[in-house]
Amino acid sequence: MATKKTTTTTTRRTVSGKGWLLRASSYFALIIAAFMFLFGGIFSGAVKSVLNLIGQLFMLVGIGIPAYDYTRGKKSAWRIVYWIALAVYVFGCIFGLIRGF
């Protein structure tokens, strides 16, 4: 009697569009935030400010793009609030970095 040979195949998903950027930004924002919670007391001054800025910028990409996609189909008031909130967040990141030095 012949034995049946089983084969397994794996499928690989191709990543296209901006989905990979959102997932990567969210991942790195989470990693940096967790790292800063655990080891933030070790760092001080400029190093801590730069690590916080990098984490905040990753979070900006991870949150900003889906929020923009959400507001794209809404009325103009939603988009105005989005752009104001985005500008406040970016200015907060920049001035937070300046204040850290």
N, C-alpha and C. Protein backbone atom coordinates (compact mmCIF):
# COMPACT_ATOMS: atom_id res chain seq x y z
N MET A 1 0.84 -1.16 0.00
CA MET A 1 0.00 0.00 0.00
C MET A 1 0.90 1.24 0.00
N ALA A 2 0.53 2.22 -0.78
CA ALA A 2 1.32 3.45 -0.89
C ALA A 2 0.92 4.40 0.23
N THR A 3 1.90 5.10 0.74
CA THR A 3 1.61 6.09 1.78
C THR A 3 1.34 7.43 1.13
N LYS A 4 0.41 8.11 1.69
CA LYS A 4 0.04 9.42 1.15
C LYS A 4 0.99 10.47 1.72
N LYS A 5 1.57 11.23 0.86
CA LYS A 5 2.50 12.27 1.26
C LYS A 5 1.74 13.58 1.42
N THR A 6 1.87 14.18 2.56
CA THR A 6 1.19 15.45 2.79
C THR A 6 2.17 16.58 2.60
N THR A 7 1.71 17.60 2.00
CA THR A 7 2.54 18.78 1.81
C THR A 7 1.83 19.97 2.41
N THR A 8 2.60 20.85 2.94
CA THR A 8 2.05 22.09 3.48
C THR A 8 2.61 23.24 2.68
N THR A 9 1.78 24.17 2.43
CA THR A 9 2.22 25.36 1.73
C THR A 9 1.95 26.57 2.60
N THR A 10 2.81 27.51 2.51
CA THR A 10 2.62 28.75 3.25
C THR A 10 2.34 29.85 2.25
N THR A 11 1.44 30.69 2.62
CA THR A 11 1.14 31.82 1.75
C THR A 11 1.78 33.07 2.35
N ARG A 12 2.28 33.87 1.49
CA ARG A 12 2.92 35.11 1.92
C ARG A 12 2.09 36.27 1.43
N ARG A 13 1.76 37.13 2.36
CA ARG A 13 0.98 38.30 1.99
C ARG A 13 1.91 39.40 1.51
N THR A 14 1.53 40.02 0.43
CA THR A 14 2.31 41.16 -0.02
C THR A 14 1.75 42.41 0.64
N VAL A 15 2.63 43.25 1.04
CA VAL A 15 2.24 44.46 1.74
C VAL A 15 2.27 45.61 0.75
N SER A 16 1.16 46.27 0.62
CA SER A 16 1.12 47.40 -0.28
C SER A 16 0.31 48.51 0.38
N GLY A 17 0.40 49.67 -0.18
CA GLY A 17 -0.34 50.80 0.37
C GLY A 17 0.34 51.35 1.61
N LYS A 18 -0.47 52.01 2.44
CA LYS A 18 0.09 52.63 3.64
C LYS A 18 -0.18 51.81 4.89
N GLY A 19 -0.78 50.63 4.74
CA GLY A 19 -1.07 49.79 5.90
C GLY A 19 0.19 49.37 6.64
N TRP A 20 1.25 49.05 5.91
CA TRP A 20 2.49 48.64 6.56
C TRP A 20 3.09 49.79 7.35
N LEU A 21 2.95 51.01 6.85
CA LEU A 21 3.48 52.18 7.54
C LEU A 21 2.76 52.40 8.87
N LEU A 22 1.45 52.23 8.85
CA LEU A 22 0.67 52.39 10.08
C LEU A 22 1.03 51.33 11.10
N ARG A 23 1.13 50.09 10.64
CA ARG A 23 1.47 49.01 11.57
C ARG A 23 2.88 49.18 12.13
N ALA A 24 3.82 49.54 11.28
CA ALA A 24 5.20 49.72 11.74
C ALA A 24 5.31 50.91 12.70
N SER A 25 4.65 52.00 12.39
CA SER A 25 4.69 53.17 13.27
C SER A 25 4.06 52.87 14.62
N SER A 26 2.94 52.18 14.60
CA SER A 26 2.29 51.81 15.85
C SER A 26 3.18 50.89 16.67
N TYR A 27 3.81 49.94 16.01
CA TYR A 27 4.70 48.99 16.69
C TYR A 27 5.86 49.73 17.36
N PHE A 28 6.54 50.59 16.60
CA PHE A 28 7.70 51.28 17.16
C PHE A 28 7.30 52.30 18.23
N ALA A 29 6.14 52.93 18.09
CA ALA A 29 5.66 53.84 19.13
C ALA A 29 5.42 53.06 20.42
N LEU A 30 4.83 51.87 20.31
CA LEU A 30 4.59 51.04 21.48
C LEU A 30 5.90 50.60 22.12
N ILE A 31 6.86 50.18 21.32
CA ILE A 31 8.15 49.72 21.84
C ILE A 31 8.88 50.86 22.55
N ILE A 32 8.92 52.03 21.95
CA ILE A 32 9.63 53.16 22.57
C ILE A 32 8.92 53.60 23.84
N ALA A 33 7.58 53.64 23.83
CA ALA A 33 6.84 54.03 25.03
C ALA A 33 7.07 53.04 26.16
N ALA A 34 7.05 51.74 25.85
CA ALA A 34 7.31 50.73 26.88
C ALA A 34 8.73 50.84 27.40
N PHE A 35 9.67 51.07 26.50
CA PHE A 35 11.07 51.23 26.90
C PHE A 35 11.24 52.43 27.82
N MET A 36 10.56 53.53 27.49
CA MET A 36 10.69 54.73 28.32
C MET A 36 10.02 54.54 29.69
N PHE A 37 8.92 53.78 29.75
CA PHE A 37 8.30 53.51 31.04
C PHE A 37 9.23 52.66 31.91
N LEU A 38 9.90 51.69 31.31
CA LEU A 38 10.77 50.80 32.09
C LEU A 38 12.09 51.45 32.46
N PHE A 39 12.72 52.11 31.50
CA PHE A 39 14.08 52.60 31.70
C PHE A 39 14.19 54.12 31.62
N GLY A 40 13.09 54.84 31.70
CA GLY A 40 13.11 56.30 31.57
C GLY A 40 13.89 56.98 32.68
N GLY A 41 13.93 56.38 33.85
CA GLY A 41 14.67 56.98 34.96
C GLY A 41 16.17 56.95 34.76
N ILE A 42 16.65 56.05 33.91
CA ILE A 42 18.09 55.95 33.66
C ILE A 42 18.56 57.13 32.82
N PHE A 43 17.73 57.52 31.85
CA PHE A 43 18.11 58.59 30.94
C PHE A 43 17.69 59.94 31.50
N SER A 44 18.43 60.95 31.11
CA SER A 44 18.07 62.30 31.52
C SER A 44 18.49 63.27 30.42
N GLY A 45 17.89 64.41 30.44
CA GLY A 45 18.27 65.48 29.52
C GLY A 45 17.96 65.20 28.07
N ALA A 46 18.97 65.38 27.24
CA ALA A 46 18.79 65.33 25.80
C ALA A 46 18.41 63.94 25.30
N VAL A 47 18.99 62.91 25.87
CA VAL A 47 18.70 61.55 25.41
C VAL A 47 17.23 61.21 25.65
N LYS A 48 16.73 61.56 26.81
CA LYS A 48 15.33 61.29 27.13
C LYS A 48 14.41 62.10 26.22
N SER A 49 14.75 63.34 25.95
CA SER A 49 13.94 64.19 25.07
C SER A 49 13.90 63.65 23.65
N VAL A 50 15.03 63.19 23.15
CA VAL A 50 15.08 62.67 21.79
C VAL A 50 14.29 61.37 21.67
N LEU A 51 14.42 60.48 22.65
CA LEU A 51 13.65 59.24 22.63
C LEU A 51 12.15 59.51 22.70
N ASN A 52 11.76 60.46 23.54
CA ASN A 52 10.35 60.83 23.60
C ASN A 52 9.86 61.41 22.28
N LEU A 53 10.67 62.25 21.64
CA LEU A 53 10.29 62.83 20.37
C LEU A 53 10.12 61.76 19.30
N ILE A 54 11.03 60.80 19.25
CA ILE A 54 10.92 59.73 18.26
C ILE A 54 9.64 58.93 18.49
N GLY A 55 9.36 58.61 19.73
CA GLY A 55 8.12 57.90 20.04
C GLY A 55 6.88 58.70 19.68
N GLN A 56 6.91 60.00 19.94
CA GLN A 56 5.76 60.84 19.60
C GLN A 56 5.58 60.97 18.10
N LEU A 57 6.66 61.02 17.35
CA LEU A 57 6.54 61.11 15.89
C LEU A 57 6.00 59.82 15.30
N PHE A 58 6.44 58.67 15.83
CA PHE A 58 5.86 57.40 15.39
C PHE A 58 4.36 57.36 15.72
N MET A 59 4.01 57.88 16.89
CA MET A 59 2.60 57.90 17.27
C MET A 59 1.82 58.86 16.36
N LEU A 60 2.44 59.95 15.96
CA LEU A 60 1.79 60.88 15.04
C LEU A 60 1.42 60.19 13.73
N VAL A 61 2.34 59.40 13.19
CA VAL A 61 2.06 58.69 11.95
C VAL A 61 1.01 57.61 12.19
N GLY A 62 1.15 56.88 13.29
CA GLY A 62 0.23 55.79 13.59
C GLY A 62 -1.19 56.25 13.89
N ILE A 63 -1.34 57.46 14.38
CA ILE A 63 -2.67 57.98 14.71
C ILE A 63 -3.14 58.98 13.65
N GLY A 64 -2.25 59.77 13.13
CA GLY A 64 -2.62 60.84 12.21
C GLY A 64 -3.20 60.38 10.89
N ILE A 65 -2.62 59.35 10.31
CA ILE A 65 -3.10 58.88 9.01
C ILE A 65 -4.49 58.26 9.11
N PRO A 66 -4.76 57.36 10.07
CA PRO A 66 -6.14 56.86 10.16
C PRO A 66 -7.15 57.95 10.52
N ALA A 67 -6.72 58.92 11.32
CA ALA A 67 -7.63 60.02 11.65
C ALA A 67 -7.95 60.85 10.42
N TYR A 68 -6.97 61.05 9.56
CA TYR A 68 -7.21 61.78 8.32
C TYR A 68 -8.16 61.00 7.41
N ASP A 69 -7.94 59.68 7.33
CA ASP A 69 -8.84 58.85 6.53
C ASP A 69 -10.27 58.94 7.06
N TYR A 70 -10.42 59.04 8.37
CA TYR A 70 -11.75 59.15 8.96
C TYR A 70 -12.41 60.48 8.60
N THR A 71 -11.64 61.55 8.63
CA THR A 71 -12.22 62.87 8.39
C THR A 71 -12.40 63.19 6.91
N ARG A 72 -11.81 62.40 6.04
CA ARG A 72 -11.89 62.70 4.61
C ARG A 72 -13.32 62.74 4.09
N GLY A 73 -14.17 61.88 4.57
CA GLY A 73 -15.54 61.86 4.10
C GLY A 73 -16.50 62.71 4.91
N LYS A 74 -16.00 63.40 5.90
CA LYS A 74 -16.85 64.21 6.78
C LYS A 74 -16.97 65.64 6.27
N LYS A 75 -17.76 66.41 6.98
CA LYS A 75 -17.93 67.83 6.63
C LYS A 75 -16.65 68.59 6.96
N SER A 76 -16.58 69.81 6.50
CA SER A 76 -15.35 70.59 6.64
C SER A 76 -15.02 70.91 8.10
N ALA A 77 -16.00 70.97 8.97
CA ALA A 77 -15.70 71.25 10.38
C ALA A 77 -14.84 70.14 10.99
N TRP A 78 -15.11 68.90 10.61
CA TRP A 78 -14.30 67.77 11.11
C TRP A 78 -12.85 67.90 10.63
N ARG A 79 -12.69 68.28 9.37
CA ARG A 79 -11.33 68.42 8.83
C ARG A 79 -10.59 69.59 9.45
N ILE A 80 -11.29 70.67 9.74
CA ILE A 80 -10.65 71.83 10.39
C ILE A 80 -10.19 71.45 11.78
N VAL A 81 -11.03 70.75 12.52
CA VAL A 81 -10.64 70.31 13.87
C VAL A 81 -9.44 69.37 13.79
N TYR A 82 -9.44 68.48 12.78
CA TYR A 82 -8.30 67.56 12.59
C TYR A 82 -7.01 68.33 12.38
N TRP A 83 -7.02 69.30 11.46
CA TRP A 83 -5.79 70.04 11.16
C TRP A 83 -5.33 70.89 12.34
N ILE A 84 -6.25 71.43 13.09
CA ILE A 84 -5.87 72.20 14.28
C ILE A 84 -5.24 71.28 15.31
N ALA A 85 -5.87 70.13 15.55
CA ALA A 85 -5.31 69.18 16.53
C ALA A 85 -3.95 68.66 16.08
N LEU A 86 -3.80 68.41 14.78
CA LEU A 86 -2.51 67.95 14.26
C LEU A 86 -1.43 69.01 14.44
N ALA A 87 -1.77 70.27 14.16
CA ALA A 87 -0.80 71.35 14.33
C ALA A 87 -0.41 71.52 15.79
N VAL A 88 -1.39 71.43 16.70
CA VAL A 88 -1.08 71.53 18.13
C VAL A 88 -0.16 70.39 18.55
N TYR A 89 -0.43 69.19 18.06
CA TYR A 89 0.41 68.04 18.42
C TYR A 89 1.84 68.21 17.91
N VAL A 90 1.99 68.64 16.65
CA VAL A 90 3.33 68.81 16.07
C VAL A 90 4.08 69.92 16.80
N PHE A 91 3.41 71.05 17.06
CA PHE A 91 4.07 72.12 17.81
C PHE A 91 4.43 71.68 19.22
N GLY A 92 3.59 70.87 19.82
CA GLY A 92 3.91 70.33 21.15
C GLY A 92 5.14 69.44 21.12
N CYS A 93 5.27 68.64 20.06
CA CYS A 93 6.47 67.79 19.92
C CYS A 93 7.71 68.66 19.76
N ILE A 94 7.62 69.67 18.89
CA ILE A 94 8.78 70.52 18.63
C ILE A 94 9.17 71.31 19.87
N PHE A 95 8.20 71.99 20.48
CA PHE A 95 8.53 72.81 21.64
C PHE A 95 8.86 71.96 22.86
N GLY A 96 8.32 70.75 22.92
CA GLY A 96 8.71 69.83 23.99
C GLY A 96 10.16 69.42 23.87
N LEU A 97 10.63 69.25 22.63
CA LEU A 97 12.03 68.91 22.41
C LEU A 97 12.93 70.08 22.75
N ILE A 98 12.52 71.28 22.35
CA ILE A 98 13.32 72.47 22.65
C ILE A 98 13.41 72.69 24.17
N ARG A 99 12.28 72.49 24.85
CA ARG A 99 12.26 72.67 26.30
C ARG A 99 13.13 71.63 27.00
N GLY A 100 13.26 70.43 26.40
CA GLY A 100 14.03 69.37 27.02
C GLY A 100 15.53 69.63 27.05
N PHE A 101 16.01 70.48 26.14
CA PHE A 101 17.45 70.77 26.11
C PHE A 101 17.71 71.82 27.10
